[in-house]
Amino acid sequence: MPKAGDKAKVKVNVKERVVDESCDLSLSELSEIPVREIASFKRVTVLDLSSNRLVNLGKNFSILTRLVRLDLSKNQITFLPEDFGQLEQLRHLDLYNNCLEHLPISFGQLRRLRYLDLKGNPLTPAWEKIVGCCSTQRDCQQAAKNTVSICANYKPEFIERERLAAQETQKMAGGGDSNANSTQTNGGAGGGKKSTKPNNKKAKAKKLAGAGDNELTIKPVNAGGSSETGTGSGAKSNQKNNQKKKNSNGGSWLNVLSRAALSSLMTFLVLFIINVLIIYMIMFKNPDIADKLVEYIPHQYRDWILTKTEIFRLRVTDWISEFRTPPEEH
């Protein structure tokens, strides 16, 4: 078995590690990925490279465009290639316990990515804010969503700012000694004027770097809108719309209830009038029909119903006679 510090290449028979659509190369102490051998198996969509000695993915890793699930956990990967976004079919990416500080902007092309685990990586504060804690599966799903959206909306001018800032810092590091010597030889006022130039350059470099960092950190907050004022006005308009909807819903319910009460009252009155007319027609106009209806009443209830109806008939006739008689005769 090769030692941890040994740089000798470990050869693995990829064909023996391929089962159906997956290729398991974990725990193989690989320092380089056999990309060409893996690419020869066109059916492979799941690749496991966990627990190896990988420091980078190599130059040609992006040709594995059929990968859907990729496990690179428990390695020493310090950076991902800039063309990593060409793996557009990727849905699951595990980068747990590596040495990544940042991610390539090409992550914005991974539109199908639904899971991203970056626990155990020394990410910069800006990227740590974007990615989150990744402690649960839901956190990893949210990390994938945030990372892809931020990288997709990350504009090229911000990259140019970072590049210029890096160049300025390199110039300052290389020209610091020559500037110090020139100030000592010239002396006096001339030396003071020359000493201000590197300070101005350093301030410019800091401003450029700060602008890039601010854009990167503020971007996830404003990913859904153009600015803070836009989000504030949008929230107010949403509140007004919700209040209008609530009021309209309350008014509609009241209208429905009032209509239902009115319709029920009207039906009750109509049914009451119809019943009174039926009783009047049966009891006073057609007694034969009343006798026939009595025959269908059960025996145990017939006497009680007949007595009650007779009492009701007498009272109605008395009321009608009183109503028809003139007041003087009454």
C-alpha atoms as a PDB file:
ATOM      1  CA  MET A   1       0.000   0.000   0.000  1.00  0.00           C
ATOM      2  CA  PRO A   2       1.426   3.435  -0.862  1.00  0.00           C
ATOM      3  CA  LYS A   3       2.085   5.898   1.938  1.00  0.00           C
ATOM      4  CA  ALA A   4       0.222   9.180   2.388  1.00  0.00           C
ATOM      5  CA  GLY A   5       3.210  11.241   1.259  1.00  0.00           C
ATOM      6  CA  ASP A   6       4.075   9.055  -1.683  1.00  0.00           C
ATOM      7  CA  LYS A   7       3.322  10.662  -5.054  1.00  0.00           C
ATOM      8  CA  ALA A   8       3.340   7.445  -7.046  1.00  0.00           C
ATOM      9  CA  LYS A   9       0.258   6.963  -9.155  1.00  0.00           C
ATOM     10  CA  VAL A  10      -2.145   4.254  -8.048  1.00  0.00           C
ATOM     11  CA  LYS A  11      -3.641   2.354 -10.965  1.00  0.00           C
ATOM     12  CA  VAL A  12      -7.142   1.004 -10.600  1.00  0.00           C
ATOM     13  CA  ASN A  13      -9.010  -1.323 -12.904  1.00  0.00           C
ATOM     14  CA  VAL A  14     -12.054   0.815 -13.594  1.00  0.00           C
ATOM     15  CA  LYS A  15     -13.859  -1.978 -15.406  1.00  0.00           C
ATOM     16  CA  GLU A  16     -14.016  -4.047 -12.210  1.00  0.00           C
ATOM     17  CA  ARG A  17     -15.499  -1.101 -10.303  1.00  0.00           C
ATOM     18  CA  VAL A  18     -18.372  -0.433 -12.732  1.00  0.00           C
ATOM     19  CA  VAL A  19     -21.728  -1.973 -11.777  1.00  0.00           C
ATOM     20  CA  ASP A  20     -24.707  -1.056 -13.936  1.00  0.00           C
ATOM     21  CA  GLU A  21     -24.753   2.770 -14.008  1.00  0.00           C
ATOM     22  CA  SER A  22     -22.415   3.411 -11.051  1.00  0.00           C
ATOM     23  CA  CYS A  23     -18.631   3.438 -10.704  1.00  0.00           C
ATOM     24  CA  ASP A  24     -17.245   3.059  -7.171  1.00  0.00           C
ATOM     25  CA  LEU A  25     -13.635   4.241  -6.830  1.00  0.00           C
ATOM     26  CA  SER A  26     -13.801   5.104  -3.136  1.00  0.00           C
ATOM     27  CA  LEU A  27     -11.034   4.095  -0.702  1.00  0.00           C
ATOM     28  CA  SER A  28      -8.595   3.586  -3.596  1.00  0.00           C
ATOM     29  CA  GLU A  29      -5.918   6.104  -2.488  1.00  0.00           C
ATOM     30  CA  LEU A  30      -6.142   7.863  -5.843  1.00  0.00           C
ATOM     31  CA  SER A  31      -4.154  11.046  -6.389  1.00  0.00           C
ATOM     32  CA  GLU A  32      -5.389  11.456  -9.973  1.00  0.00           C
ATOM     33  CA  ILE A  33      -8.757  10.606 -11.487  1.00  0.00           C
ATOM     34  CA  PRO A  34      -8.733   8.150 -14.437  1.00  0.00           C
ATOM     35  CA  VAL A  35     -11.039  10.381 -16.458  1.00  0.00           C
ATOM     36  CA  ARG A  36     -10.544   8.706 -19.822  1.00  0.00           C
ATOM     37  CA  GLU A  37     -11.213   5.224 -18.463  1.00  0.00           C
ATOM     38  CA  ILE A  38     -14.402   6.427 -16.749  1.00  0.00           C
ATOM     39  CA  ALA A  39     -15.546   8.296 -19.875  1.00  0.00           C
ATOM     40  CA  SER A  40     -15.229   5.096 -21.923  1.00  0.00           C
ATOM     41  CA  PHE A  41     -18.209   3.684 -19.976  1.00  0.00           C
ATOM     42  CA  LYS A  42     -21.007   5.821 -21.385  1.00  0.00           C
ATOM     43  CA  ARG A  43     -23.657   4.279 -19.134  1.00  0.00           C
ATOM     44  CA  VAL A  44     -21.981   5.514 -15.930  1.00  0.00           C
ATOM     45  CA  THR A  45     -24.013   8.294 -14.320  1.00  0.00           C
ATOM     46  CA  VAL A  46     -23.022   7.762 -10.650  1.00  0.00           C
ATOM     47  CA  LEU A  47     -19.372   8.265  -9.643  1.00  0.00           C
ATOM     48  CA  ASP A  48     -18.007   7.739  -6.123  1.00  0.00           C
ATOM     49  CA  LEU A  49     -14.495   9.147  -5.504  1.00  0.00           C
ATOM     50  CA  SER A  50     -14.765   9.570  -1.746  1.00  0.00           C
ATOM     51  CA  SER A  51     -11.967   8.859   0.730  1.00  0.00           C
ATOM     52  CA  ASN A  52      -9.024   9.276  -1.636  1.00  0.00           C
ATOM     53  CA  ARG A  53      -5.983  11.586  -1.836  1.00  0.00           C
ATOM     54  CA  LEU A  54      -7.288  13.946  -4.500  1.00  0.00           C
ATOM     55  CA  VAL A  55      -6.041  17.550  -4.496  1.00  0.00           C
ATOM     56  CA  ASN A  56      -7.735  18.605  -7.740  1.00  0.00           C
ATOM     57  CA  LEU A  57      -9.944  17.062 -10.409  1.00  0.00           C
ATOM     58  CA  GLY A  58      -7.572  17.478 -13.323  1.00  0.00           C
ATOM     59  CA  LYS A  59      -8.034  19.294 -16.622  1.00  0.00           C
ATOM     60  CA  ASN A  60     -10.374  16.930 -18.460  1.00  0.00           C
ATOM     61  CA  PHE A  61     -12.850  16.136 -15.687  1.00  0.00           C
ATOM     62  CA  SER A  62     -15.558  18.257 -17.308  1.00  0.00           C
ATOM     63  CA  ILE A  63     -15.902  15.751 -20.185  1.00  0.00           C
ATOM     64  CA  LEU A  64     -17.910  13.503 -17.825  1.00  0.00           C
ATOM     65  CA  THR A  65     -21.095  15.337 -18.778  1.00  0.00           C
ATOM     66  CA  ARG A  66     -23.356  12.314 -18.166  1.00  0.00           C
ATOM     67  CA  LEU A  67     -22.812  12.336 -14.404  1.00  0.00           C
ATOM     68  CA  VAL A  68     -25.952  12.741 -12.323  1.00  0.00           C
ATOM     69  CA  ARG A  69     -24.505  11.931  -8.891  1.00  0.00           C
ATOM     70  CA  LEU A  70     -20.927  12.752  -7.825  1.00  0.00           C
ATOM     71  CA  ASP A  71     -19.312  12.002  -4.452  1.00  0.00           C
ATOM     72  CA  LEU A  72     -15.995  13.775  -3.788  1.00  0.00           C
ATOM     73  CA  SER A  73     -16.166  13.747   0.007  1.00  0.00           C
ATOM     74  CA  LYS A  74     -13.183  13.156   2.306  1.00  0.00           C
ATOM     75  CA  ASN A  75     -10.425  14.345  -0.018  1.00  0.00           C
ATOM     76  CA  GLN A  76      -8.016  17.310  -0.020  1.00  0.00           C
ATOM     77  CA  ILE A  77      -9.497  19.178  -2.990  1.00  0.00           C
ATOM     78  CA  THR A  78      -8.465  22.840  -2.846  1.00  0.00           C
ATOM     79  CA  PHE A  79     -10.310  24.120  -5.921  1.00  0.00           C
ATOM     80  CA  LEU A  80     -12.696  23.022  -8.647  1.00  0.00           C
ATOM     81  CA  PRO A  81     -12.010  23.625 -12.346  1.00  0.00           C
ATOM     82  CA  GLU A  82     -13.507  26.735 -13.907  1.00  0.00           C
ATOM     83  CA  ASP A  83     -15.410  24.634 -16.462  1.00  0.00           C
ATOM     84  CA  PHE A  84     -17.071  22.513 -13.748  1.00  0.00           C
ATOM     85  CA  GLY A  85     -20.424  23.945 -14.863  1.00  0.00           C
ATOM     86  CA  GLN A  86     -20.322  21.782 -17.990  1.00  0.00           C
ATOM     87  CA  LEU A  87     -21.670  18.911 -15.872  1.00  0.00           C
ATOM     88  CA  GLU A  88     -25.184  20.184 -16.530  1.00  0.00           C
ATOM     89  CA  GLN A  89     -26.863  16.840 -15.752  1.00  0.00           C
ATOM     90  CA  LEU A  90     -25.535  16.845 -12.179  1.00  0.00           C
ATOM     91  CA  ARG A  91     -28.219  16.648  -9.482  1.00  0.00           C
ATOM     92  CA  HIS A  92     -26.303  15.446  -6.402  1.00  0.00           C
ATOM     93  CA  LEU A  93     -22.855  16.771  -5.408  1.00  0.00           C
ATOM     94  CA  ASP A  94     -21.091  15.791  -2.177  1.00  0.00           C
ATOM     95  CA  LEU A  95     -17.975  17.842  -1.305  1.00  0.00           C
ATOM     96  CA  TYR A  96     -17.935  17.105   2.406  1.00  0.00           C
ATOM     97  CA  ASN A  97     -14.619  17.469   4.260  1.00  0.00           C
ATOM     98  CA  ASN A  98     -12.361  19.028   1.615  1.00  0.00           C
ATOM     99  CA  CYS A  99     -10.207  22.168   1.439  1.00  0.00           C
ATOM    100  CA  LEU A 100     -12.392  24.407  -0.719  1.00  0.00           C
ATOM    101  CA  GLU A 101     -12.419  28.141  -0.035  1.00  0.00           C
ATOM    102  CA  HIS A 102     -14.603  29.205  -2.952  1.00  0.00           C
ATOM    103  CA  LEU A 103     -16.553  27.792  -5.879  1.00  0.00           C
ATOM    104  CA  PRO A 104     -16.272  28.561  -9.602  1.00  0.00           C
ATOM    105  CA  ILE A 105     -18.775  30.950 -11.146  1.00  0.00           C
ATOM    106  CA  SER A 106     -19.685  28.258 -13.672  1.00  0.00           C
ATOM    107  CA  PHE A 107     -21.833  26.687 -10.917  1.00  0.00           C
ATOM    108  CA  GLY A 108     -24.591  28.868 -12.340  1.00  0.00           C
ATOM    109  CA  GLN A 109     -24.898  26.397 -15.245  1.00  0.00           C
ATOM    110  CA  LEU A 110     -25.859  23.514 -12.913  1.00  0.00           C
ATOM    111  CA  ARG A 111     -29.578  24.180 -13.236  1.00  0.00           C
ATOM    112  CA  ARG A 112     -30.507  20.608 -12.280  1.00  0.00           C
ATOM    113  CA  LEU A 113     -28.478  20.560  -9.034  1.00  0.00           C
ATOM    114  CA  ARG A 114     -30.728  19.689  -6.090  1.00  0.00           C
ATOM    115  CA  TYR A 115     -28.211  18.644  -3.383  1.00  0.00           C
ATOM    116  CA  LEU A 116     -24.912  20.254  -2.361  1.00  0.00           C
ATOM    117  CA  ASP A 117     -22.945  19.300   0.768  1.00  0.00           C
ATOM    118  CA  LEU A 118     -20.013  21.578   1.673  1.00  0.00           C
ATOM    119  CA  LYS A 119     -19.573  20.767   5.352  1.00  0.00           C
ATOM    120  CA  GLY A 120     -15.998  20.672   6.606  1.00  0.00           C
ATOM    121  CA  ASN A 121     -14.627  23.150   4.029  1.00  0.00           C
ATOM    122  CA  PRO A 122     -12.790  26.385   4.962  1.00  0.00           C
ATOM    123  CA  LEU A 123     -15.076  28.578   2.881  1.00  0.00           C
ATOM    124  CA  THR A 124     -14.660  32.348   2.823  1.00  0.00           C
ATOM    125  CA  PRO A 125     -17.235  34.309   4.841  1.00  0.00           C
ATOM    126  CA  ALA A 126     -19.081  35.368   1.684  1.00  0.00           C
ATOM    127  CA  TRP A 127     -19.433  31.808   0.394  1.00  0.00           C
ATOM    128  CA  GLU A 128     -20.236  30.511   3.866  1.00  0.00           C
ATOM    129  CA  LYS A 129     -23.115  32.968   4.047  1.00  0.00           C
ATOM    130  CA  ILE A 130     -24.421  31.828   0.665  1.00  0.00           C
ATOM    131  CA  VAL A 131     -24.055  28.079   1.231  1.00  0.00           C
ATOM    132  CA  GLY A 132     -25.193  27.879   4.853  1.00  0.00           C
ATOM    133  CA  CYS A 133     -24.540  25.167   7.428  1.00  0.00           C
ATOM    134  CA  CYS A 134     -25.477  22.061   5.341  1.00  0.00           C
ATOM    135  CA  SER A 135     -26.248  20.123   8.523  1.00  0.00           C
ATOM    136  CA  THR A 136     -29.423  18.445   7.243  1.00  0.00           C
ATOM    137  CA  GLN A 137     -30.706  17.256   3.902  1.00  0.00           C
ATOM    138  CA  ARG A 138     -32.987  20.256   3.657  1.00  0.00           C
ATOM    139  CA  ASP A 139     -30.022  22.579   4.279  1.00  0.00           C
ATOM    140  CA  CYS A 140     -28.079  20.866   1.484  1.00  0.00           C
ATOM    141  CA  GLN A 141     -31.000  21.286  -0.885  1.00  0.00           C
ATOM    142  CA  GLN A 142     -31.230  24.986  -0.009  1.00  0.00           C
ATOM    143  CA  ALA A 143     -27.447  25.332  -0.429  1.00  0.00           C
ATOM    144  CA  ALA A 144     -27.674  23.947  -3.968  1.00  0.00           C
ATOM    145  CA  LYS A 145     -30.492  26.342  -4.823  1.00  0.00           C
ATOM    146  CA  ASN A 146     -28.740  29.412  -3.382  1.00  0.00           C
ATOM    147  CA  THR A 147     -25.352  28.632  -4.920  1.00  0.00           C
ATOM    148  CA  VAL A 148     -26.715  28.073  -8.420  1.00  0.00           C
ATOM    149  CA  SER A 149     -28.881  31.204  -8.327  1.00  0.00           C
ATOM    150  CA  ILE A 150     -26.068  33.410  -6.995  1.00  0.00           C
ATOM    151  CA  CYS A 151     -23.528  32.171  -9.540  1.00  0.00           C
ATOM    152  CA  ALA A 152     -26.048  32.540 -12.366  1.00  0.00           C
ATOM    153  CA  ASN A 153     -26.705  36.192 -11.395  1.00  0.00           C
ATOM    154  CA  TYR A 154     -23.047  37.007 -10.726  1.00  0.00           C
ATOM    155  CA  LYS A 155     -22.102  39.616 -13.352  1.00  0.00           C
ATOM    156  CA  PRO A 156     -18.769  39.588 -15.262  1.00  0.00           C
ATOM    157  CA  GLU A 157     -17.810  43.092 -14.119  1.00  0.00           C
ATOM    158  CA  PHE A 158     -17.511  41.838 -10.545  1.00  0.00           C
ATOM    159  CA  ILE A 159     -15.037  39.189 -11.703  1.00  0.00           C
ATOM    160  CA  GLU A 160     -13.067  41.897 -13.492  1.00  0.00           C
ATOM    161  CA  ARG A 161     -12.975  43.958 -10.306  1.00  0.00           C
ATOM    162  CA  GLU A 162     -11.570  41.046  -8.344  1.00  0.00           C
ATOM    163  CA  ARG A 163      -8.959  40.420 -11.024  1.00  0.00           C
ATOM    164  CA  LEU A 164      -7.856  44.070 -11.009  1.00  0.00           C
ATOM    165  CA  ALA A 165      -7.732  44.077  -7.229  1.00  0.00           C
ATOM    166  CA  ALA A 166      -5.519  40.973  -7.265  1.00  0.00           C
ATOM    167  CA  GLN A 167      -3.190  42.609  -9.824  1.00  0.00           C
ATOM    168  CA  GLU A 168      -2.930  45.752  -7.707  1.00  0.00           C
ATOM    169  CA  THR A 169      -2.022  43.763  -4.620  1.00  0.00           C
ATOM    170  CA  GLN A 170       0.627  41.851  -6.576  1.00  0.00           C
ATOM    171  CA  LYS A 171       2.113  45.122  -7.866  1.00  0.00           C
ATOM    172  CA  MET A 172       2.209  46.496  -4.370  1.00  0.00           C
ATOM    173  CA  ALA A 173       3.970  43.402  -3.095  1.00  0.00           C
ATOM    174  CA  GLY A 174       6.541  43.523  -5.936  1.00  0.00           C
ATOM    175  CA  GLY A 175       7.170  47.288  -5.985  1.00  0.00           C
ATOM    176  CA  GLY A 176       7.236  47.933  -2.267  1.00  0.00           C
ATOM    177  CA  ASP A 177      11.025  47.609  -1.913  1.00  0.00           C
ATOM    178  CA  SER A 178      11.847  49.836  -4.927  1.00  0.00           C
ATOM    179  CA  ASN A 179       9.523  52.579  -3.667  1.00  0.00           C
ATOM    180  CA  ALA A 180      11.133  52.473  -0.236  1.00  0.00           C
ATOM    181  CA  ASN A 181      14.632  52.848  -1.730  1.00  0.00           C
ATOM    182  CA  SER A 182      13.588  55.761  -3.966  1.00  0.00           C
ATOM    183  CA  THR A 183      12.089  57.650  -1.038  1.00  0.00           C
ATOM    184  CA  GLN A 184      15.328  57.276   0.959  1.00  0.00           C
ATOM    185  CA  THR A 185      17.567  58.578  -1.886  1.00  0.00           C
ATOM    186  CA  ASN A 186      15.415  61.529  -2.891  1.00  0.00           C
ATOM    187  CA  GLY A 187      14.535  62.662   0.660  1.00  0.00           C
ATOM    188  CA  GLY A 188      12.680  65.800   1.730  1.00  0.00           C
ATOM    189  CA  ALA A 189       9.503  66.878   0.050  1.00  0.00           C
ATOM    190  CA  GLY A 190      10.083  64.838  -3.059  1.00  0.00           C
ATOM    191  CA  GLY A 191      10.273  61.669  -0.981  1.00  0.00           C
ATOM    192  CA  GLY A 192       7.048  62.557   0.756  1.00  0.00           C
ATOM    193  CA  LYS A 193       5.210  62.961  -2.540  1.00  0.00           C
ATOM    194  CA  LYS A 194       6.415  59.624  -3.867  1.00  0.00           C
ATOM    195  CA  SER A 195       5.485  57.806  -0.684  1.00  0.00           C
ATOM    196  CA  THR A 196       1.856  58.785  -1.105  1.00  0.00           C
ATOM    197  CA  LYS A 197       1.492  56.943  -4.413  1.00  0.00           C
ATOM    198  CA  PRO A 198       1.721  53.381  -3.083  1.00  0.00           C
ATOM    199  CA  ASN A 199      -0.707  54.306  -0.328  1.00  0.00           C
ATOM    200  CA  ASN A 200      -3.200  55.523  -2.928  1.00  0.00           C
ATOM    201  CA  LYS A 201      -2.766  52.330  -4.922  1.00  0.00           C
ATOM    202  CA  LYS A 202      -3.321  50.235  -1.813  1.00  0.00           C
ATOM    203  CA  ALA A 203      -6.493  52.173  -1.037  1.00  0.00           C
ATOM    204  CA  LYS A 204      -7.766  51.614  -4.598  1.00  0.00           C
ATOM    205  CA  ALA A 205      -7.027  47.908  -4.377  1.00  0.00           C
ATOM    206  CA  LYS A 206      -8.887  47.666  -1.067  1.00  0.00           C
ATOM    207  CA  LYS A 207     -11.879  49.505  -2.531  1.00  0.00           C
ATOM    208  CA  LEU A 208     -12.021  47.192  -5.525  1.00  0.00           C
ATOM    209  CA  ALA A 209     -11.733  44.094  -3.385  1.00  0.00           C
ATOM    210  CA  GLY A 210     -14.321  45.439  -0.960  1.00  0.00           C
ATOM    211  CA  ALA A 211     -16.718  46.186  -3.808  1.00  0.00           C
ATOM    212  CA  GLY A 212     -16.409  42.637  -5.128  1.00  0.00           C
ATOM    213  CA  ASP A 213     -16.944  41.145  -1.665  1.00  0.00           C
ATOM    214  CA  ASN A 214     -19.922  43.383  -0.984  1.00  0.00           C
ATOM    215  CA  GLU A 215     -21.562  42.460  -4.259  1.00  0.00           C
ATOM    216  CA  LEU A 216     -21.017  38.789  -3.539  1.00  0.00           C
ATOM    217  CA  THR A 217     -22.411  38.977  -0.029  1.00  0.00           C
ATOM    218  CA  ILE A 218     -25.347  41.238  -0.864  1.00  0.00           C
ATOM    219  CA  LYS A 219     -26.328  39.279  -3.947  1.00  0.00           C
ATOM    220  CA  PRO A 220     -28.238  36.466  -2.170  1.00  0.00           C
ATOM    221  CA  VAL A 221     -30.294  38.976  -0.238  1.00  0.00           C
ATOM    222  CA  ASN A 222     -31.345  40.779  -3.431  1.00  0.00           C
ATOM    223  CA  ALA A 223     -31.564  37.700  -5.658  1.00  0.00           C
ATOM    224  CA  GLY A 224     -35.356  38.022  -5.887  1.00  0.00           C
ATOM    225  CA  GLY A 225     -35.370  41.788  -6.589  1.00  0.00           C
ATOM    226  CA  SER A 226     -33.282  44.623  -7.934  1.00  0.00           C
ATOM    227  CA  SER A 227     -32.652  46.584  -4.694  1.00  0.00           C
ATOM    228  CA  GLU A 228     -33.675  47.002  -1.058  1.00  0.00           C
ATOM    229  CA  THR A 229     -36.184  49.717  -1.927  1.00  0.00           C
ATOM    230  CA  GLY A 230     -37.706  47.470  -4.543  1.00  0.00           C
ATOM    231  CA  THR A 231     -38.175  44.700  -2.029  1.00  0.00           C
ATOM    232  CA  GLY A 232     -39.664  47.137   0.500  1.00  0.00           C
ATOM    233  CA  SER A 233     -42.195  48.528  -1.963  1.00  0.00           C
ATOM    234  CA  GLY A 234     -42.974  44.997  -3.112  1.00  0.00           C
ATOM    235  CA  ALA A 235     -43.656  43.932   0.470  1.00  0.00           C
ATOM    236  CA  LYS A 236     -45.972  46.902   1.032  1.00  0.00           C
ATOM    237  CA  SER A 237     -47.883  46.213  -2.160  1.00  0.00           C
ATOM    238  CA  ASN A 238     -48.203  42.552  -1.171  1.00  0.00           C
ATOM    239  CA  GLN A 239     -49.604  43.564   2.227  1.00  0.00           C
ATOM    240  CA  LYS A 240     -52.145  45.859   0.572  1.00  0.00           C
ATOM    241  CA  ASN A 241     -53.191  43.162  -1.855  1.00  0.00           C
ATOM    242  CA  ASN A 242     -53.579  40.639   0.971  1.00  0.00           C
ATOM    243  CA  GLN A 243     -55.696  43.100   2.961  1.00  0.00           C
ATOM    244  CA  LYS A 244     -57.902  43.764  -0.067  1.00  0.00           C
ATOM    245  CA  LYS A 245     -58.320  40.043  -0.603  1.00  0.00           C
ATOM    246  CA  LYS A 246     -59.313  39.558   3.039  1.00  0.00           C
ATOM    247  CA  ASN A 247     -61.860  42.374   2.858  1.00  0.00           C
ATOM    248  CA  SER A 248     -63.295  41.070  -0.387  1.00  0.00           C
ATOM    249  CA  ASN A 249     -63.498  37.563   1.063  1.00  0.00           C
ATOM    250  CA  GLY A 250     -65.312  38.866   4.165  1.00  0.00           C
ATOM    251  CA  GLY A 251     -67.779  40.865   2.069  1.00  0.00           C
ATOM    252  CA  SER A 252     -68.444  37.912  -0.218  1.00  0.00           C
ATOM    253  CA  TRP A 253     -69.180  35.661   2.774  1.00  0.00           C
ATOM    254  CA  LEU A 254     -71.634  38.218   4.171  1.00  0.00           C
ATOM    255  CA  ASN A 255     -73.362  38.491   0.809  1.00  0.00           C
ATOM    256  CA  VAL A 256     -73.649  34.718   0.552  1.00  0.00           C
ATOM    257  CA  LEU A 257     -75.086  34.421   4.067  1.00  0.00           C
ATOM    258  CA  SER A 258     -77.599  37.210   3.506  1.00  0.00           C
ATOM    259  CA  ARG A 259     -78.739  35.657   0.241  1.00  0.00           C
ATOM    260  CA  ALA A 260     -79.071  32.234   1.854  1.00  0.00           C
ATOM    261  CA  ALA A 261     -81.119  33.670   4.764  1.00  0.00           C
ATOM    262  CA  LEU A 262     -83.419  35.561   2.397  1.00  0.00           C
ATOM    263  CA  SER A 263     -83.944  32.525   0.181  1.00  0.00           C
ATOM    264  CA  SER A 264     -84.676  30.271   3.171  1.00  0.00           C
ATOM    265  CA  LEU A 265     -87.204  32.799   4.542  1.00  0.00           C
ATOM    266  CA  MET A 266     -88.972  33.030   1.196  1.00  0.00           C
ATOM    267  CA  THR A 267     -89.187  29.247   0.837  1.00  0.00           C
ATOM    268  CA  PHE A 268     -90.565  28.962   4.387  1.00  0.00           C
ATOM    269  CA  LEU A 269     -93.279  31.514   3.666  1.00  0.00           C
ATOM    270  CA  VAL A 270     -94.233  29.864   0.401  1.00  0.00           C
ATOM    271  CA  LEU A 271     -94.419  26.410   1.998  1.00  0.00           C
ATOM    272  CA  PHE A 272     -96.463  27.779   4.899  1.00  0.00           C
ATOM    273  CA  ILE A 273     -98.988  29.378   2.544  1.00  0.00           C
ATOM    274  CA  ILE A 274     -99.232  26.189   0.480  1.00  0.00           C
ATOM    275  CA  ASN A 275     -99.812  24.088   3.606  1.00  0.00           C
ATOM    276  CA  VAL A 276    -102.538  26.424   4.841  1.00  0.00           C
ATOM    277  CA  LEU A 277    -104.275  26.275   1.479  1.00  0.00           C
ATOM    278  CA  ILE A 278    -104.048  22.486   1.346  1.00  0.00           C
ATOM    279  CA  ILE A 279    -105.467  22.153   4.871  1.00  0.00           C
ATOM    280  CA  TYR A 280    -108.269  24.558   4.075  1.00  0.00           C
ATOM    281  CA  MET A 281    -109.180  22.780   0.839  1.00  0.00           C
ATOM    282  CA  ILE A 282    -109.131  19.352   2.430  1.00  0.00           C
ATOM    283  CA  MET A 283    -110.957  20.186   5.664  1.00  0.00           C
ATOM    284  CA  PHE A 284    -113.641  22.543   4.385  1.00  0.00           C
ATOM    285  CA  LYS A 285    -114.090  21.930   0.689  1.00  0.00           C
ATOM    286  CA  ASN A 286    -113.395  18.221   0.233  1.00  0.00           C
ATOM    287  CA  PRO A 287    -114.163  16.220   3.417  1.00  0.00           C
ATOM    288  CA  ASP A 288    -114.113  12.961   1.407  1.00  0.00           C
ATOM    289  CA  ILE A 289    -110.423  13.424   0.715  1.00  0.00           C
ATOM    290  CA  ALA A 290    -109.853  14.067   4.417  1.00  0.00           C
ATOM    291  CA  ASP A 291    -111.621  10.791   5.322  1.00  0.00           C
ATOM    292  CA  LYS A 292    -109.478   8.872   2.842  1.00  0.00           C
ATOM    293  CA  LEU A 293    -106.295  10.425   4.258  1.00  0.00           C
ATOM    294  CA  VAL A 294    -107.368   9.411   7.772  1.00  0.00           C
ATOM    295  CA  GLU A 295    -107.437   5.763   6.739  1.00  0.00           C
ATOM    296  CA  TYR A 296    -103.674   5.851   6.054  1.00  0.00           C
ATOM    297  CA  ILE A 297    -102.862   7.139   9.552  1.00  0.00           C
ATOM    298  CA  PRO A 298    -101.715   4.407  12.027  1.00  0.00           C
ATOM    299  CA  HIS A 299    -104.247   3.388  14.688  1.00  0.00           C
ATOM    300  CA  GLN A 300    -102.177   4.421  17.679  1.00  0.00           C
ATOM    301  CA  TYR A 301    -101.944   8.012  16.330  1.00  0.00           C
ATOM    302  CA  ARG A 302    -105.330   8.321  14.618  1.00  0.00           C
ATOM    303  CA  ASP A 303    -107.411   9.409  17.622  1.00  0.00           C
ATOM    304  CA  TRP A 304    -104.882  11.987  18.757  1.00  0.00           C
ATOM    305  CA  ILE A 305    -104.561  13.478  15.262  1.00  0.00           C
ATOM    306  CA  LEU A 306    -108.347  13.560  14.771  1.00  0.00           C
ATOM    307  CA  THR A 307    -108.933  15.353  18.050  1.00  0.00           C
ATOM    308  CA  LYS A 308    -106.229  17.893  17.339  1.00  0.00           C
ATOM    309  CA  THR A 309    -107.504  18.546  13.830  1.00  0.00           C
ATOM    310  CA  GLU A 310    -111.079  18.872  15.070  1.00  0.00           C
ATOM    311  CA  ILE A 311    -110.000  21.414  17.664  1.00  0.00           C
ATOM    312  CA  PHE A 312    -108.028  23.278  15.013  1.00  0.00           C
ATOM    313  CA  ARG A 313    -111.026  23.217  12.639  1.00  0.00           C
ATOM    314  CA  LEU A 314    -113.378  24.591  15.289  1.00  0.00           C
ATOM    315  CA  ARG A 315    -111.000  27.395  16.167  1.00  0.00           C
ATOM    316  CA  VAL A 316    -110.524  28.320  12.527  1.00  0.00           C
ATOM    317  CA  THR A 317    -114.292  28.373  11.902  1.00  0.00           C
ATOM    318  CA  ASP A 318    -114.842  30.509  14.990  1.00  0.00           C
ATOM    319  CA  TRP A 319    -112.120  32.913  13.866  1.00  0.00           C
ATOM    320  CA  ILE A 320    -113.589  33.108  10.360  1.00  0.00           C
ATOM    321  CA  SER A 321    -117.125  33.686  11.677  1.00  0.00           C
ATOM    322  CA  GLU A 322    -115.879  36.432  14.004  1.00  0.00           C
ATOM    323  CA  PHE A 323    -113.993  38.008  11.141  1.00  0.00           C
ATOM    324  CA  ARG A 324    -117.041  37.966   8.824  1.00  0.00           C
ATOM    325  CA  THR A 325    -119.577  39.314  11.313  1.00  0.00           C
ATOM    326  CA  PRO A 326    -119.946  43.113  11.460  1.00  0.00           C
ATOM    327  CA  PRO A 327    -118.657  44.915  14.550  1.00  0.00           C
ATOM    328  CA  GLU A 328    -122.166  45.939  15.675  1.00  0.00           C
ATOM    329  CA  GLU A 329    -123.503  42.368  15.719  1.00  0.00           C
ATOM    330  CA  HIS A 330    -120.344  41.173  17.414  1.00  0.00           C
END
